[in-house]
Amino acid sequence: MNIQKLHNKNVLLISILWGCFILCMLVQILKDKDPIFIAILFGSGLLVCGTISIFVYKKIFIKQTMYLCVLGMSFVTFVLIDNEPVIANFYLIF
């Protein structure tokens, strides 16, 4: 597989992952969930998205980063389904 094409796809995936993370955080804040839960979710999300972003933009572990991005988006979907199923339906349709 062409490494440059894979890197371009990783850039797109990390952009989508950051968007999903921001959407998830907005939903949690608007629904007035427990502040400790929001802080844990925010911290872990920044850690995961930030680490994957470093991998993408430094072009480290290009093939594995693709799988990490998809896994991250699946985790965001799981959190939304667990907390707000109605919002998750719109997210999955999008």
PDB file of N, CA and C in Angstrom:
ATOM      1  N   MET A   1       0.843  -1.177   0.000  1.00  0.00           N
ATOM      2  CA  MET A   1       0.000   0.000   0.000  1.00  0.00           C
ATOM      3  C   MET A   1       0.890   1.242   0.000  1.00  0.00           C
ATOM      4  N   ASN A   2       0.465   2.263  -0.712  1.00  0.00           N
ATOM      5  CA  ASN A   2       1.225   3.492  -0.824  1.00  0.00           C
ATOM      6  C   ASN A   2       1.220   4.232   0.520  1.00  0.00           C
ATOM      7  N   ILE A   3       2.408   4.537   1.039  1.00  0.00           N
ATOM      8  CA  ILE A   3       2.537   5.162   2.349  1.00  0.00           C
ATOM      9  C   ILE A   3       1.945   6.577   2.350  1.00  0.00           C
ATOM     10  N   GLN A   4       2.129   7.330   1.273  1.00  0.00           N
ATOM     11  CA  GLN A   4       1.612   8.701   1.222  1.00  0.00           C
ATOM     12  C   GLN A   4       0.086   8.716   1.238  1.00  0.00           C
ATOM     13  N   LYS A   5      -0.552   7.808   0.507  1.00  0.00           N
ATOM     14  CA  LYS A   5      -2.016   7.726   0.523  1.00  0.00           C
ATOM     15  C   LYS A   5      -2.514   7.359   1.915  1.00  0.00           C
ATOM     16  N   LEU A   6      -1.817   6.424   2.545  1.00  0.00           N
ATOM     17  CA  LEU A   6      -2.202   6.000   3.886  1.00  0.00           C
ATOM     18  C   LEU A   6      -2.057   7.154   4.878  1.00  0.00           C
ATOM     19  N   HIS A   7      -1.000   7.934   4.731  1.00  0.00           N
ATOM     20  CA  HIS A   7      -0.810   9.094   5.606  1.00  0.00           C
ATOM     21  C   HIS A   7      -1.928  10.117   5.393  1.00  0.00           C
ATOM     22  N   ASN A   8      -2.315  10.368   4.142  1.00  0.00           N
ATOM     23  CA  ASN A   8      -3.409  11.305   3.870  1.00  0.00           C
ATOM     24  C   ASN A   8      -4.717  10.827   4.486  1.00  0.00           C
ATOM     25  N   LYS A   9      -4.956   9.539   4.441  1.00  0.00           N
ATOM     26  CA  LYS A   9      -6.160   8.984   5.074  1.00  0.00           C
ATOM     27  C   LYS A   9      -6.084   9.129   6.589  1.00  0.00           C
ATOM     28  N   ASN A  10      -4.885   8.962   7.150  1.00  0.00           N
ATOM     29  CA  ASN A  10      -4.716   9.131   8.593  1.00  0.00           C
ATOM     30  C   ASN A  10      -4.994  10.567   9.019  1.00  0.00           C
ATOM     31  N   VAL A  11      -4.574  11.529   8.207  1.00  0.00           N
ATOM     32  CA  VAL A  11      -4.855  12.938   8.512  1.00  0.00           C
ATOM     33  C   VAL A  11      -6.362  13.178   8.526  1.00  0.00           C
ATOM     34  N   LEU A  12      -7.068  12.608   7.556  1.00  0.00           N
ATOM     35  CA  LEU A  12      -8.524  12.736   7.529  1.00  0.00           C
ATOM     36  C   LEU A  12      -9.152  12.045   8.744  1.00  0.00           C
ATOM     37  N   LEU A  13      -8.684  10.858   9.075  1.00  0.00           N
ATOM     38  CA  LEU A  13      -9.237  10.123  10.215  1.00  0.00           C
ATOM     39  C   LEU A  13      -9.005  10.855  11.532  1.00  0.00           C
ATOM     40  N   ILE A  14      -7.822  11.452  11.711  1.00  0.00           N
ATOM     41  CA  ILE A  14      -7.574  12.150  12.976  1.00  0.00           C
ATOM     42  C   ILE A  14      -8.432  13.411  13.063  1.00  0.00           C
ATOM     43  N   SER A  15      -8.719  14.034  11.929  1.00  0.00           N
ATOM     44  CA  SER A  15      -9.621  15.192  11.933  1.00  0.00           C
ATOM     45  C   SER A  15     -11.031  14.768  12.354  1.00  0.00           C
ATOM     46  N   ILE A  16     -11.475  13.649  11.828  1.00  0.00           N
ATOM     47  CA  ILE A  16     -12.793  13.123  12.198  1.00  0.00           C
ATOM     48  C   ILE A  16     -12.808  12.719  13.665  1.00  0.00           C
ATOM     49  N   LEU A  17     -11.722  12.112  14.139  1.00  0.00           N
ATOM     50  CA  LEU A  17     -11.645  11.702  15.544  1.00  0.00           C
ATOM     51  C   LEU A  17     -11.719  12.907  16.470  1.00  0.00           C
ATOM     52  N   TRP A  18     -11.018  13.989  16.155  1.00  0.00           N
ATOM     53  CA  TRP A  18     -11.105  15.201  16.975  1.00  0.00           C
ATOM     54  C   TRP A  18     -12.522  15.762  16.950  1.00  0.00           C
ATOM     55  N   GLY A  19     -13.169  15.740  15.783  1.00  0.00           N
ATOM     56  CA  GLY A  19     -14.550  16.211  15.699  1.00  0.00           C
ATOM     57  C   GLY A  19     -15.489  15.378  16.550  1.00  0.00           C
ATOM     58  N   CYS A  20     -15.310  14.067  16.515  1.00  0.00           N
ATOM     59  CA  CYS A  20     -16.144  13.172  17.331  1.00  0.00           C
ATOM     60  C   CYS A  20     -15.914  13.411  18.817  1.00  0.00           C
ATOM     61  N   PHE A  21     -14.656  13.640  19.179  1.00  0.00           N
ATOM     62  CA  PHE A  21     -14.331  13.910  20.583  1.00  0.00           C
ATOM     63  C   PHE A  21     -14.990  15.202  21.053  1.00  0.00           C
ATOM     64  N   ILE A  22     -14.922  16.237  20.234  1.00  0.00           N
ATOM     65  CA  ILE A  22     -15.540  17.515  20.599  1.00  0.00           C
ATOM     66  C   ILE A  22     -17.052  17.372  20.696  1.00  0.00           C
ATOM     67  N   LEU A  23     -17.662  16.634  19.761  1.00  0.00           N
ATOM     68  CA  LEU A  23     -19.101  16.385  19.815  1.00  0.00           C
ATOM     69  C   LEU A  23     -19.477  15.647  21.099  1.00  0.00           C
ATOM     70  N   CYS A  24     -18.720  14.636  21.441  1.00  0.00           N
ATOM     71  CA  CYS A  24     -18.990  13.855  22.654  1.00  0.00           C
ATOM     72  C   CYS A  24     -18.882  14.738  23.892  1.00  0.00           C
ATOM     73  N   MET A  25     -17.870  15.590  23.951  1.00  0.00           N
ATOM     74  CA  MET A  25     -17.703  16.465  25.109  1.00  0.00           C
ATOM     75  C   MET A  25     -18.836  17.485  25.202  1.00  0.00           C
ATOM     76  N   LEU A  26     -19.257  18.035  24.061  1.00  0.00           N
ATOM     77  CA  LEU A  26     -20.371  18.988  24.081  1.00  0.00           C
ATOM     78  C   LEU A  26     -21.651  18.337  24.586  1.00  0.00           C
ATOM     79  N   VAL A  27     -21.902  17.121  24.144  1.00  0.00           N
ATOM     80  CA  VAL A  27     -23.107  16.413  24.598  1.00  0.00           C
ATOM     81  C   VAL A  27     -23.040  16.177  26.097  1.00  0.00           C
ATOM     82  N   GLN A  28     -21.873  15.778  26.599  1.00  0.00           N
ATOM     83  CA  GLN A  28     -21.739  15.515  28.026  1.00  0.00           C
ATOM     84  C   GLN A  28     -21.914  16.792  28.847  1.00  0.00           C
ATOM     85  N   ILE A  29     -21.370  17.896  28.366  1.00  0.00           N
ATOM     86  CA  ILE A  29     -21.485  19.169  29.091  1.00  0.00           C
ATOM     87  C   ILE A  29     -22.918  19.690  29.054  1.00  0.00           C
ATOM     88  N   LEU A  30     -23.569  19.600  27.897  1.00  0.00           N
ATOM     89  CA  LEU A  30     -24.940  20.098  27.779  1.00  0.00           C
ATOM     90  C   LEU A  30     -25.930  19.276  28.588  1.00  0.00           C
ATOM     91  N   LYS A  31     -25.644  18.012  28.788  1.00  0.00           N
ATOM     92  CA  LYS A  31     -26.560  17.157  29.550  1.00  0.00           C
ATOM     93  C   LYS A  31     -26.293  17.232  31.051  1.00  0.00           C
ATOM     94  N   ASP A  32     -25.374  18.079  31.475  1.00  0.00           N
ATOM     95  CA  ASP A  32     -25.050  18.279  32.895  1.00  0.00           C
ATOM     96  C   ASP A  32     -24.738  16.970  33.606  1.00  0.00           C
ATOM     97  N   LYS A  33     -23.816  16.250  33.043  1.00  0.00           N
ATOM     98  CA  LYS A  33     -23.361  15.018  33.692  1.00  0.00           C
ATOM     99  C   LYS A  33     -22.464  15.368  34.868  1.00  0.00           C
ATOM    100  N   ASP A  34     -22.038  14.368  35.591  1.00  0.00           N
ATOM    101  CA  ASP A  34     -21.155  14.528  36.737  1.00  0.00           C
ATOM    102  C   ASP A  34     -19.841  15.189  36.295  1.00  0.00           C
ATOM    103  N   PRO A  35     -19.407  16.259  36.977  1.00  0.00           N
ATOM    104  CA  PRO A  35     -18.174  16.948  36.567  1.00  0.00           C
ATOM    105  C   PRO A  35     -16.930  16.057  36.641  1.00  0.00           C
ATOM    106  N   ILE A  36     -16.908  15.121  37.550  1.00  0.00           N
ATOM    107  CA  ILE A  36     -15.756  14.214  37.654  1.00  0.00           C
ATOM    108  C   ILE A  36     -15.714  13.306  36.430  1.00  0.00           C
ATOM    109  N   PHE A  37     -16.874  12.808  36.000  1.00  0.00           N
ATOM    110  CA  PHE A  37     -16.938  11.979  34.794  1.00  0.00           C
ATOM    111  C   PHE A  37     -16.484  12.772  33.573  1.00  0.00           C
ATOM    112  N   ILE A  38     -16.927  14.026  33.476  1.00  0.00           N
ATOM    113  CA  ILE A  38     -16.535  14.871  32.346  1.00  0.00           C
ATOM    114  C   ILE A  38     -15.028  15.111  32.363  1.00  0.00           C
ATOM    115  N   ALA A  39     -14.463  15.352  33.541  1.00  0.00           N
ATOM    116  CA  ALA A  39     -13.020  15.589  33.646  1.00  0.00           C
ATOM    117  C   ALA A  39     -12.227  14.356  33.239  1.00  0.00           C
ATOM    118  N   ILE A  40     -12.669  13.173  33.669  1.00  0.00           N
ATOM    119  CA  ILE A  40     -11.980  11.933  33.299  1.00  0.00           C
ATOM    120  C   ILE A  40     -12.095  11.698  31.798  1.00  0.00           C
ATOM    121  N   LEU A  41     -13.286  11.893  31.249  1.00  0.00           N
ATOM    122  CA  LEU A  41     -13.498  11.713  29.819  1.00  0.00           C
ATOM    123  C   LEU A  41     -12.673  12.721  29.009  1.00  0.00           C
ATOM    124  N   PHE A  42     -12.632  13.959  29.464  1.00  0.00           N
ATOM    125  CA  PHE A  42     -11.870  14.994  28.768  1.00  0.00           C
ATOM    126  C   PHE A  42     -10.367  14.682  28.805  1.00  0.00           C
ATOM    127  N   GLY A  43      -9.870  14.305  29.970  1.00  0.00           N
ATOM    128  CA  GLY A  43      -8.448  13.991  30.099  1.00  0.00           C
ATOM    129  C   GLY A  43      -8.032  12.798  29.269  1.00  0.00           C
ATOM    130  N   SER A  44      -8.821  11.745  29.328  1.00  0.00           N
ATOM    131  CA  SER A  44      -8.478  10.551  28.558  1.00  0.00           C
ATOM    132  C   SER A  44      -8.625  10.802  27.057  1.00  0.00           C
ATOM    133  N   GLY A  45      -9.613  11.590  26.672  1.00  0.00           N
ATOM    134  CA  GLY A  45      -9.793  11.924  25.260  1.00  0.00           C
ATOM    135  C   GLY A  45      -8.648  12.760  24.716  1.00  0.00           C
ATOM    136  N   LEU A  46      -8.206  13.740  25.499  1.00  0.00           N
ATOM    137  CA  LEU A  46      -7.057  14.540  25.078  1.00  0.00           C
ATOM    138  C   LEU A  46      -5.802  13.697  24.961  1.00  0.00           C
ATOM    139  N   LEU A  47      -5.620  12.789  25.903  1.00  0.00           N
ATOM    140  CA  LEU A  47      -4.444  11.917  25.869  1.00  0.00           C
ATOM    141  C   LEU A  47      -4.451  11.033  24.626  1.00  0.00           C
ATOM    142  N   VAL A  48      -5.582  10.407  24.345  1.00  0.00           N
ATOM    143  CA  VAL A  48      -5.678   9.504  23.195  1.00  0.00           C
ATOM    144  C   VAL A  48      -5.576  10.279  21.882  1.00  0.00           C
ATOM    145  N   CYS A  49      -6.380  11.323  21.732  1.00  0.00           N
ATOM    146  CA  CYS A  49      -6.359  12.094  20.483  1.00  0.00           C
ATOM    147  C   CYS A  49      -5.015  12.783  20.277  1.00  0.00           C
ATOM    148  N   GLY A  50      -4.434  13.282  21.344  1.00  0.00           N
ATOM    149  CA  GLY A  50      -3.137  13.940  21.233  1.00  0.00           C
ATOM    150  C   GLY A  50      -2.035  12.987  20.830  1.00  0.00           C
ATOM    151  N   THR A  51      -2.040  11.797  21.425  1.00  0.00           N
ATOM    152  CA  THR A  51      -1.027  10.799  21.086  1.00  0.00           C
ATOM    153  C   THR A  51      -1.161  10.357  19.635  1.00  0.00           C
ATOM    154  N   ILE A  52      -2.377  10.088  19.215  1.00  0.00           N
ATOM    155  CA  ILE A  52      -2.591   9.677  17.824  1.00  0.00           C
ATOM    156  C   ILE A  52      -2.230  10.813  16.870  1.00  0.00           C
ATOM    157  N   SER A  53      -2.530  12.056  17.256  1.00  0.00           N
ATOM    158  CA  SER A  53      -2.160  13.202  16.417  1.00  0.00           C
ATOM    159  C   SER A  53      -0.644  13.291  16.245  1.00  0.00           C
ATOM    160  N   ILE A  54       0.089  13.049  17.308  1.00  0.00           N
ATOM    161  CA  ILE A  54       1.551  13.062  17.218  1.00  0.00           C
ATOM    162  C   ILE A  54       2.019  11.979  16.254  1.00  0.00           C
ATOM    163  N   PHE A  55       1.435  10.787  16.367  1.00  0.00           N
ATOM    164  CA  PHE A  55       1.800   9.698  15.454  1.00  0.00           C
ATOM    165  C   PHE A  55       1.512  10.076  14.004  1.00  0.00           C
ATOM    166  N   VAL A  56       0.362  10.733  13.771  1.00  0.00           N
ATOM    167  CA  VAL A  56      -0.018  11.084  12.405  1.00  0.00           C
ATOM    168  C   VAL A  56       0.905  12.142  11.834  1.00  0.00           C
ATOM    169  N   TYR A  57       1.117  13.214  12.582  1.00  0.00           N
ATOM    170  CA  TYR A  57       1.866  14.333  12.023  1.00  0.00           C
ATOM    171  C   TYR A  57       3.381  14.126  12.026  1.00  0.00           C
ATOM    172  N   LYS A  58       3.888  13.216  12.849  1.00  0.00           N
ATOM    173  CA  LYS A  58       5.305  12.856  12.802  1.00  0.00           C
ATOM    174  C   LYS A  58       5.558  11.673  11.863  1.00  0.00           C
ATOM    175  N   LYS A  59       4.483  11.116  11.307  1.00  0.00           N
ATOM    176  CA  LYS A  59       4.530   9.961  10.403  1.00  0.00           C
ATOM    177  C   LYS A  59       5.212   8.756  11.059  1.00  0.00           C
ATOM    178  N   ILE A  60       4.800   8.490  12.303  1.00  0.00           N
ATOM    179  CA  ILE A  60       5.299   7.346  13.051  1.00  0.00           C
ATOM    180  C   ILE A  60       4.208   6.270  13.047  1.00  0.00           C
ATOM    181  N   PHE A  61       4.578   5.034  12.839  1.00  0.00           N
ATOM    182  CA  PHE A  61       3.640   3.904  12.857  1.00  0.00           C
ATOM    183  C   PHE A  61       2.422   4.187  11.974  1.00  0.00           C
ATOM    184  N   ILE A  62       2.645   4.449  10.720  1.00  0.00           N
ATOM    185  CA  ILE A  62       1.584   4.911   9.816  1.00  0.00           C
ATOM    186  C   ILE A  62       0.451   3.896   9.711  1.00  0.00           C
ATOM    187  N   LYS A  63       0.769   2.634   9.509  1.00  0.00           N
ATOM    188  CA  LYS A  63      -0.279   1.625   9.343  1.00  0.00           C
ATOM    189  C   LYS A  63      -1.042   1.397  10.648  1.00  0.00           C
ATOM    190  N   GLN A  64      -0.334   1.335  11.766  1.00  0.00           N
ATOM    191  CA  GLN A  64      -0.977   1.101  13.055  1.00  0.00           C
ATOM    192  C   GLN A  64      -1.822   2.297  13.491  1.00  0.00           C
ATOM    193  N   THR A  65      -1.407   3.498  13.079  1.00  0.00           N
ATOM    194  CA  THR A  65      -2.156   4.701  13.440  1.00  0.00           C
ATOM    195  C   THR A  65      -3.546   4.688  12.819  1.00  0.00           C
ATOM    196  N   MET A  66      -3.661   4.139  11.625  1.00  0.00           N
ATOM    197  CA  MET A  66      -4.964   4.026  10.976  1.00  0.00           C
ATOM    198  C   MET A  66      -5.913   3.207  11.847  1.00  0.00           C
ATOM    199  N   TYR A  67      -5.433   2.092  12.371  1.00  0.00           N
ATOM    200  CA  TYR A  67      -6.262   1.251  13.228  1.00  0.00           C
ATOM    201  C   TYR A  67      -6.588   1.950  14.539  1.00  0.00           C
ATOM    202  N   LEU A  68      -5.646   2.717  15.078  1.00  0.00           N
ATOM    203  CA  LEU A  68      -5.904   3.454  16.313  1.00  0.00           C
ATOM    204  C   LEU A  68      -6.986   4.512  16.119  1.00  0.00           C
ATOM    205  N   CYS A  69      -6.985   5.173  14.980  1.00  0.00           N
ATOM    206  CA  CYS A  69      -8.020   6.183  14.692  1.00  0.00           C
ATOM    207  C   CYS A  69      -9.405   5.547  14.631  1.00  0.00           C
ATOM    208  N   VAL A  70      -9.505   4.448  13.944  1.00  0.00           N
ATOM    209  CA  VAL A  70     -10.795   3.755  13.825  1.00  0.00           C
ATOM    210  C   VAL A  70     -11.243   3.240  15.195  1.00  0.00           C
ATOM    211  N   LEU A  71     -10.316   2.716  15.977  1.00  0.00           N
ATOM    212  CA  LEU A  71     -10.639   2.256  17.326  1.00  0.00           C
ATOM    213  C   LEU A  71     -11.092   3.416  18.201  1.00  0.00           C
ATOM    214  N   GLY A  72     -10.438   4.569  18.057  1.00  0.00           N
ATOM    215  CA  GLY A  72     -10.835   5.757  18.823  1.00  0.00           C
ATOM    216  C   GLY A  72     -12.241   6.212  18.480  1.00  0.00           C
ATOM    217  N   MET A  73     -12.587   6.206  17.190  1.00  0.00           N
ATOM    218  CA  MET A  73     -13.942   6.592  16.791  1.00  0.00           C
ATOM    219  C   MET A  73     -14.974   5.591  17.313  1.00  0.00           C
ATOM    220  N   SER A  74     -14.604   4.328  17.359  1.00  0.00           N
ATOM    221  CA  SER A  74     -15.510   3.322  17.915  1.00  0.00           C
ATOM    222  C   SER A  74     -15.721   3.548  19.406  1.00  0.00           C
ATOM    223  N   PHE A  75     -14.670   3.964  20.109  1.00  0.00           N
ATOM    224  CA  PHE A  75     -14.797   4.242  21.538  1.00  0.00           C
ATOM    225  C   PHE A  75     -15.722   5.431  21.776  1.00  0.00           C
ATOM    226  N   VAL A  76     -15.585   6.477  20.961  1.00  0.00           N
ATOM    227  CA  VAL A  76     -16.468   7.648  21.096  1.00  0.00           C
ATOM    228  C   VAL A  76     -17.914   7.232  20.850  1.00  0.00           C
ATOM    229  N   THR A  77     -18.135   6.403  19.855  1.00  0.00           N
ATOM    230  CA  THR A  77     -19.481   5.902  19.569  1.00  0.00           C
ATOM    231  C   THR A  77     -20.020   5.113  20.756  1.00  0.00           C
ATOM    232  N   PHE A  78     -19.182   4.278  21.361  1.00  0.00           N
ATOM    233  CA  PHE A  78     -19.602   3.498  22.526  1.00  0.00           C
ATOM    234  C   PHE A  78     -20.001   4.408  23.682  1.00  0.00           C
ATOM    235  N   VAL A  79     -19.215   5.447  23.940  1.00  0.00           N
ATOM    236  CA  VAL A  79     -19.530   6.370  25.032  1.00  0.00           C
ATOM    237  C   VAL A  79     -20.843   7.086  24.753  1.00  0.00           C
ATOM    238  N   LEU A  80     -21.054   7.525  23.506  1.00  0.00           N
ATOM    239  CA  LEU A  80     -22.311   8.201  23.173  1.00  0.00           C
ATOM    240  C   LEU A  80     -23.507   7.259  23.298  1.00  0.00           C
ATOM    241  N   ILE A  81     -23.365   6.026  22.835  1.00  0.00           N
ATOM    242  CA  ILE A  81     -24.469   5.070  22.932  1.00  0.00           C
ATOM    243  C   ILE A  81     -24.786   4.772  24.388  1.00  0.00           C
ATOM    244  N   ASP A  82     -23.749   4.679  25.210  1.00  0.00           N
ATOM    245  CA  ASP A  82     -23.938   4.367  26.618  1.00  0.00           C
ATOM    246  C   ASP A  82     -24.622   5.508  27.362  1.00  0.00           C
ATOM    247  N   ASN A  83     -24.293   6.746  27.023  1.00  0.00           N
ATOM    248  CA  ASN A  83     -24.821   7.892  27.762  1.00  0.00           C
ATOM    249  C   ASN A  83     -26.028   8.552  27.118  1.00  0.00           C
ATOM    250  N   GLU A  84     -25.995   8.728  25.812  1.00  0.00           N
ATOM    251  CA  GLU A  84     -27.068   9.426  25.097  1.00  0.00           C
ATOM    252  C   GLU A  84     -27.413   8.679  23.817  1.00  0.00           C
ATOM    253  N   PRO A  85     -28.289   7.677  23.874  1.00  0.00           N
ATOM    254  CA  PRO A  85     -28.590   6.886  22.684  1.00  0.00           C
ATOM    255  C   PRO A  85     -29.213   7.697  21.545  1.00  0.00           C
ATOM    256  N   VAL A  86     -29.983   8.722  21.867  1.00  0.00           N
ATOM    257  CA  VAL A  86     -30.631   9.508  20.819  1.00  0.00           C
ATOM    258  C   VAL A  86     -29.588  10.263  20.000  1.00  0.00           C
ATOM    259  N   ILE A  87     -28.625  10.882  20.674  1.00  0.00           N
ATOM    260  CA  ILE A  87     -27.560  11.607  19.982  1.00  0.00           C
ATOM    261  C   ILE A  87     -26.709  10.631  19.174  1.00  0.00           C
ATOM    262  N   ALA A  88     -26.480   9.444  19.709  1.00  0.00           N
ATOM    263  CA  ALA A  88     -25.676   8.443  19.004  1.00  0.00           C
ATOM    264  C   ALA A  88     -26.339   8.026  17.700  1.00  0.00           C
ATOM    265  N   ASN A  89     -27.657   7.987  17.667  1.00  0.00           N
ATOM    266  CA  ASN A  89     -28.344   7.649  16.418  1.00  0.00           C
ATOM    267  C   ASN A  89     -28.049   8.674  15.331  1.00  0.00           C
ATOM    268  N   PHE A  90     -28.107   9.954  15.671  1.00  0.00           N
ATOM    269  CA  PHE A  90     -27.786  10.998  14.687  1.00  0.00           C
ATOM    270  C   PHE A  90     -26.318  10.914  14.280  1.00  0.00           C
ATOM    271  N   TYR A  91     -25.450  10.624  15.214  1.00  0.00           N
ATOM    272  CA  TYR A  91     -24.028  10.492  14.942  1.00  0.00           C
ATOM    273  C   TYR A  91     -23.774   9.331  13.962  1.00  0.00           C
ATOM    274  N   LEU A  92     -24.444   8.210  14.185  1.00  0.00           N
ATOM    275  CA  LEU A  92     -24.256   7.052  13.306  1.00  0.00           C
ATOM    276  C   LEU A  92     -24.846   7.308  11.924  1.00  0.00           C
ATOM    277  N   ILE A  93     -25.934   8.056  11.854  1.00  0.00           N
ATOM    278  CA  ILE A  93     -26.501   8.388  10.539  1.00  0.00           C
ATOM    279  C   ILE A  93     -25.542   9.277   9.761  1.00  0.00           C
ATOM    280  N   PHE A  94     -24.909  10.225  10.467  1.00  0.00           N
ATOM    281  CA  PHE A  94     -23.944  11.111   9.818  1.00  0.00           C
ATOM    282  C   PHE A  94     -22.763  10.313   9.317  1.00  0.00           C
TER     283      PHE A  94
END
